[in-house]
């Protein structure tokens, strides 16, 4: 998802460096996922989220997606530097 958004924004000339944007988007996924995971496990209860269920698994999925996005942006960047 982050790569798609970065590509669309780059095509529309809203961002100059889509890889940096994708990595930042991935970092936001990691932070948001960490918050949801912490709430879901009871480590950091958030009153507004109390009625919701399944936040731990969704949080872990977001963290994983963020890490994969950051790693993917890094791989693409390293391949561009090597060329």
N, C-alpha and C. Protein backbone atom coordinates (compact mmCIF):
# COMPACT_ATOMS: atom_id res chain seq x y z
N UNK A 1 0.81 -1.18 0.00
CA UNK A 1 0.00 0.00 0.00
C UNK A 1 0.86 1.25 0.00
N UNK A 2 1.88 1.28 0.84
CA UNK A 2 2.74 2.46 0.93
C UNK A 2 3.43 2.73 -0.39
N UNK A 3 3.89 1.68 -1.06
CA UNK A 3 4.57 1.86 -2.34
C UNK A 3 3.59 2.39 -3.39
N UNK A 4 2.36 1.93 -3.36
CA UNK A 4 1.35 2.43 -4.30
C UNK A 4 1.08 3.91 -4.08
N UNK A 5 0.91 4.29 -2.83
CA UNK A 5 0.66 5.70 -2.51
C UNK A 5 1.87 6.54 -2.91
N UNK A 6 3.08 6.05 -2.63
CA UNK A 6 4.29 6.79 -2.99
C UNK A 6 4.39 6.94 -4.51
N UNK A 7 4.06 5.89 -5.24
CA UNK A 7 4.10 5.96 -6.70
C UNK A 7 3.08 6.94 -7.26
N UNK A 8 1.89 6.92 -6.73
CA UNK A 8 0.85 7.85 -7.19
C UNK A 8 1.27 9.29 -6.90
N UNK A 9 1.78 9.54 -5.71
CA UNK A 9 2.21 10.90 -5.36
C UNK A 9 3.40 11.35 -6.20
N UNK A 10 4.29 10.42 -6.53
CA UNK A 10 5.44 10.77 -7.39
C UNK A 10 4.97 11.08 -8.81
N UNK A 11 4.03 10.30 -9.33
CA UNK A 11 3.49 10.56 -10.67
C UNK A 11 2.79 11.91 -10.75
N UNK A 12 2.17 12.31 -9.66
CA UNK A 12 1.47 13.59 -9.62
C UNK A 12 2.40 14.74 -9.24
N UNK A 13 3.68 14.45 -9.07
CA UNK A 13 4.70 15.44 -8.71
C UNK A 13 4.45 16.08 -7.34
N UNK A 14 3.89 15.31 -6.42
CA UNK A 14 3.72 15.79 -5.05
C UNK A 14 4.94 15.47 -4.20
N UNK A 15 5.68 14.40 -4.54
CA UNK A 15 6.89 14.05 -3.81
C UNK A 15 8.03 13.87 -4.81
N UNK A 16 9.23 14.26 -4.40
CA UNK A 16 10.39 14.11 -5.26
C UNK A 16 11.07 12.77 -5.07
N UNK A 17 11.01 12.24 -3.85
CA UNK A 17 11.70 10.99 -3.52
C UNK A 17 10.69 9.98 -2.98
N UNK A 18 10.10 9.17 -3.87
CA UNK A 18 9.07 8.23 -3.42
C UNK A 18 9.59 7.15 -2.48
N UNK A 19 10.87 6.77 -2.60
CA UNK A 19 11.40 5.75 -1.69
C UNK A 19 11.44 6.27 -0.26
N UNK A 20 11.86 7.51 -0.09
CA UNK A 20 11.88 8.09 1.25
C UNK A 20 10.46 8.20 1.80
N UNK A 21 9.52 8.57 0.95
CA UNK A 21 8.13 8.67 1.39
C UNK A 21 7.60 7.29 1.80
N UNK A 22 7.90 6.26 1.00
CA UNK A 22 7.44 4.91 1.32
C UNK A 22 8.04 4.44 2.64
N UNK A 23 9.32 4.72 2.87
CA UNK A 23 9.96 4.33 4.13
C UNK A 23 9.32 5.06 5.31
N UNK A 24 9.01 6.33 5.13
CA UNK A 24 8.34 7.10 6.19
C UNK A 24 6.95 6.54 6.46
N UNK A 25 6.25 6.19 5.41
CA UNK A 25 4.92 5.58 5.54
C UNK A 25 5.04 4.26 6.29
N UNK A 26 6.07 3.47 5.99
CA UNK A 26 6.32 2.22 6.69
C UNK A 26 6.59 2.44 8.17
N UNK A 27 7.35 3.50 8.47
CA UNK A 27 7.62 3.83 9.87
C UNK A 27 6.33 4.20 10.60
N UNK A 28 5.44 4.91 9.91
CA UNK A 28 4.15 5.25 10.51
C UNK A 28 3.33 3.99 10.79
N UNK A 29 3.42 2.99 9.87
CA UNK A 29 2.75 1.71 10.11
C UNK A 29 3.30 1.04 11.36
N UNK A 30 4.62 1.07 11.52
CA UNK A 30 5.24 0.43 12.69
C UNK A 30 4.77 1.11 13.98
N UNK A 31 4.75 2.43 13.99
CA UNK A 31 4.33 3.16 15.19
C UNK A 31 2.85 2.87 15.51
N UNK A 32 1.99 3.00 14.49
CA UNK A 32 0.56 2.75 14.71
C UNK A 32 0.32 1.31 15.14
N UNK A 33 1.00 0.38 14.51
CA UNK A 33 0.86 -1.03 14.89
C UNK A 33 1.36 -1.29 16.29
N UNK A 34 2.45 -0.64 16.67
CA UNK A 34 2.96 -0.79 18.03
C UNK A 34 1.97 -0.29 19.07
N UNK A 35 1.32 0.82 18.77
CA UNK A 35 0.31 1.36 19.69
C UNK A 35 -0.86 0.40 19.82
N UNK A 36 -1.35 -0.11 18.68
CA UNK A 36 -2.47 -1.06 18.73
C UNK A 36 -2.09 -2.35 19.45
N UNK A 37 -0.87 -2.82 19.21
CA UNK A 37 -0.41 -4.04 19.88
C UNK A 37 -0.28 -3.82 21.38
N UNK A 38 0.29 -2.69 21.76
CA UNK A 38 0.43 -2.39 23.19
C UNK A 38 -0.92 -2.29 23.87
N UNK A 39 -1.88 -1.68 23.21
CA UNK A 39 -3.22 -1.59 23.78
C UNK A 39 -3.87 -2.98 23.86
N UNK A 40 -3.75 -3.73 22.77
CA UNK A 40 -4.39 -5.05 22.73
C UNK A 40 -3.85 -6.02 23.77
N UNK A 41 -2.57 -5.88 24.11
CA UNK A 41 -1.98 -6.77 25.12
C UNK A 41 -2.16 -6.24 26.53
N UNK A 42 -2.68 -5.03 26.66
CA UNK A 42 -2.89 -4.44 27.98
C UNK A 42 -1.70 -3.68 28.52
N UNK A 43 -0.63 -3.59 27.75
CA UNK A 43 0.57 -2.87 28.20
C UNK A 43 0.34 -1.36 28.27
N UNK A 44 -0.51 -0.84 27.38
CA UNK A 44 -0.80 0.59 27.36
C UNK A 44 -2.27 0.78 27.03
N UNK A 45 -3.15 0.66 28.04
CA UNK A 45 -4.58 0.79 27.76
C UNK A 45 -4.96 2.19 27.28
N UNK A 46 -5.78 2.23 26.26
CA UNK A 46 -6.29 3.49 25.70
C UNK A 46 -7.81 3.41 25.79
N UNK A 47 -8.39 4.29 26.59
CA UNK A 47 -9.82 4.25 26.86
C UNK A 47 -10.68 4.29 25.62
N UNK A 48 -10.30 5.09 24.65
CA UNK A 48 -11.09 5.24 23.43
C UNK A 48 -11.16 3.93 22.64
N UNK A 49 -10.14 3.09 22.77
CA UNK A 49 -10.09 1.84 22.00
C UNK A 49 -10.66 0.64 22.75
N UNK A 50 -11.09 0.83 24.00
CA UNK A 50 -11.56 -0.28 24.83
C UNK A 50 -12.66 -1.12 24.19
N UNK A 51 -13.67 -0.52 23.54
CA UNK A 51 -14.75 -1.35 23.00
C UNK A 51 -14.34 -2.19 21.79
N UNK A 52 -13.19 -1.93 21.21
CA UNK A 52 -12.77 -2.65 20.01
C UNK A 52 -12.05 -3.94 20.38
N UNK A 53 -12.18 -4.93 19.51
CA UNK A 53 -11.50 -6.21 19.76
C UNK A 53 -10.60 -6.55 18.58
N UNK A 54 -9.67 -7.45 18.80
CA UNK A 54 -8.78 -7.90 17.74
C UNK A 54 -7.66 -6.95 17.40
N UNK A 55 -7.39 -6.00 18.30
CA UNK A 55 -6.38 -5.00 17.98
C UNK A 55 -4.96 -5.55 18.03
N UNK A 56 -4.74 -6.58 18.82
CA UNK A 56 -3.39 -7.13 18.90
C UNK A 56 -2.96 -7.71 17.56
N UNK A 57 -3.80 -8.52 16.96
CA UNK A 57 -3.44 -9.13 15.67
C UNK A 57 -3.33 -8.08 14.58
N UNK A 58 -4.20 -7.09 14.60
CA UNK A 58 -4.12 -6.02 13.60
C UNK A 58 -2.87 -5.18 13.80
N UNK A 59 -2.53 -4.94 15.06
CA UNK A 59 -1.32 -4.19 15.35
C UNK A 59 -0.07 -4.91 14.89
N UNK A 60 -0.02 -6.21 15.15
CA UNK A 60 1.13 -7.00 14.71
C UNK A 60 1.22 -7.00 13.18
N UNK A 61 0.08 -7.09 12.52
CA UNK A 61 0.07 -7.06 11.05
C UNK A 61 0.59 -5.73 10.53
N UNK A 62 0.20 -4.63 11.18
CA UNK A 62 0.70 -3.31 10.77
C UNK A 62 2.20 -3.19 10.99
N UNK A 63 2.69 -3.68 12.12
CA UNK A 63 4.13 -3.64 12.38
C UNK A 63 4.87 -4.43 11.30
N UNK A 64 4.37 -5.62 11.00
CA UNK A 64 5.00 -6.45 9.97
C UNK A 64 4.98 -5.75 8.61
N UNK A 65 3.84 -5.17 8.25
CA UNK A 65 3.74 -4.45 6.98
C UNK A 65 4.71 -3.28 6.93
N UNK A 66 4.84 -2.58 8.04
CA UNK A 66 5.77 -1.45 8.09
C UNK A 66 7.21 -1.90 7.92
N UNK A 67 7.58 -2.97 8.59
CA UNK A 67 8.96 -3.48 8.48
C UNK A 67 9.24 -3.94 7.05
N UNK A 68 8.29 -4.64 6.43
CA UNK A 68 8.46 -5.09 5.05
C UNK A 68 8.57 -3.89 4.10
N UNK A 69 7.78 -2.85 4.33
CA UNK A 69 7.84 -1.66 3.49
C UNK A 69 9.18 -0.97 3.62
N UNK A 70 9.66 -0.80 4.84
CA UNK A 70 10.96 -0.16 5.05
C UNK A 70 12.07 -0.99 4.42
N UNK A 71 12.03 -2.30 4.61
CA UNK A 71 13.04 -3.18 4.02
C UNK A 71 12.98 -3.12 2.50
N UNK A 72 11.80 -3.13 1.95
CA UNK A 72 11.65 -3.05 0.49
C UNK A 72 12.20 -1.76 -0.07
N UNK A 73 11.91 -0.65 0.59
CA UNK A 73 12.45 0.64 0.15
C UNK A 73 13.98 0.63 0.23
N UNK A 74 14.51 0.02 1.26
CA UNK A 74 15.96 -0.07 1.40
C UNK A 74 16.59 -0.92 0.31
N UNK A 75 15.95 -2.02 -0.04
CA UNK A 75 16.48 -2.89 -1.10
C UNK A 75 16.46 -2.17 -2.44
N UNK A 76 15.35 -1.51 -2.74
CA UNK A 76 15.25 -0.78 -4.01
C UNK A 76 16.30 0.33 -4.05
N UNK A 77 16.46 1.03 -2.95
CA UNK A 77 17.46 2.11 -2.90
C UNK A 77 18.86 1.57 -3.10
N UNK A 78 19.18 0.45 -2.46
CA UNK A 78 20.53 -0.11 -2.61
C UNK A 78 20.77 -0.59 -4.02
N UNK A 79 19.77 -1.11 -4.68
CA UNK A 79 19.91 -1.54 -6.08
C UNK A 79 20.12 -0.35 -7.00
N UNK A 80 19.47 0.76 -6.71
CA UNK A 80 19.65 1.96 -7.54
C UNK A 80 21.04 2.54 -7.35
N UNK A 81 21.56 2.47 -6.14
CA UNK A 81 22.90 3.00 -5.87
C UNK A 81 23.95 2.15 -6.59
N UNK A 82 23.74 0.82 -6.63
CA UNK A 82 24.70 -0.08 -7.27
C UNK A 82 24.74 0.10 -8.79
N UNK A 83 23.68 0.58 -9.37
CA UNK A 83 23.63 0.71 -10.84
C UNK A 83 24.30 1.93 -11.30
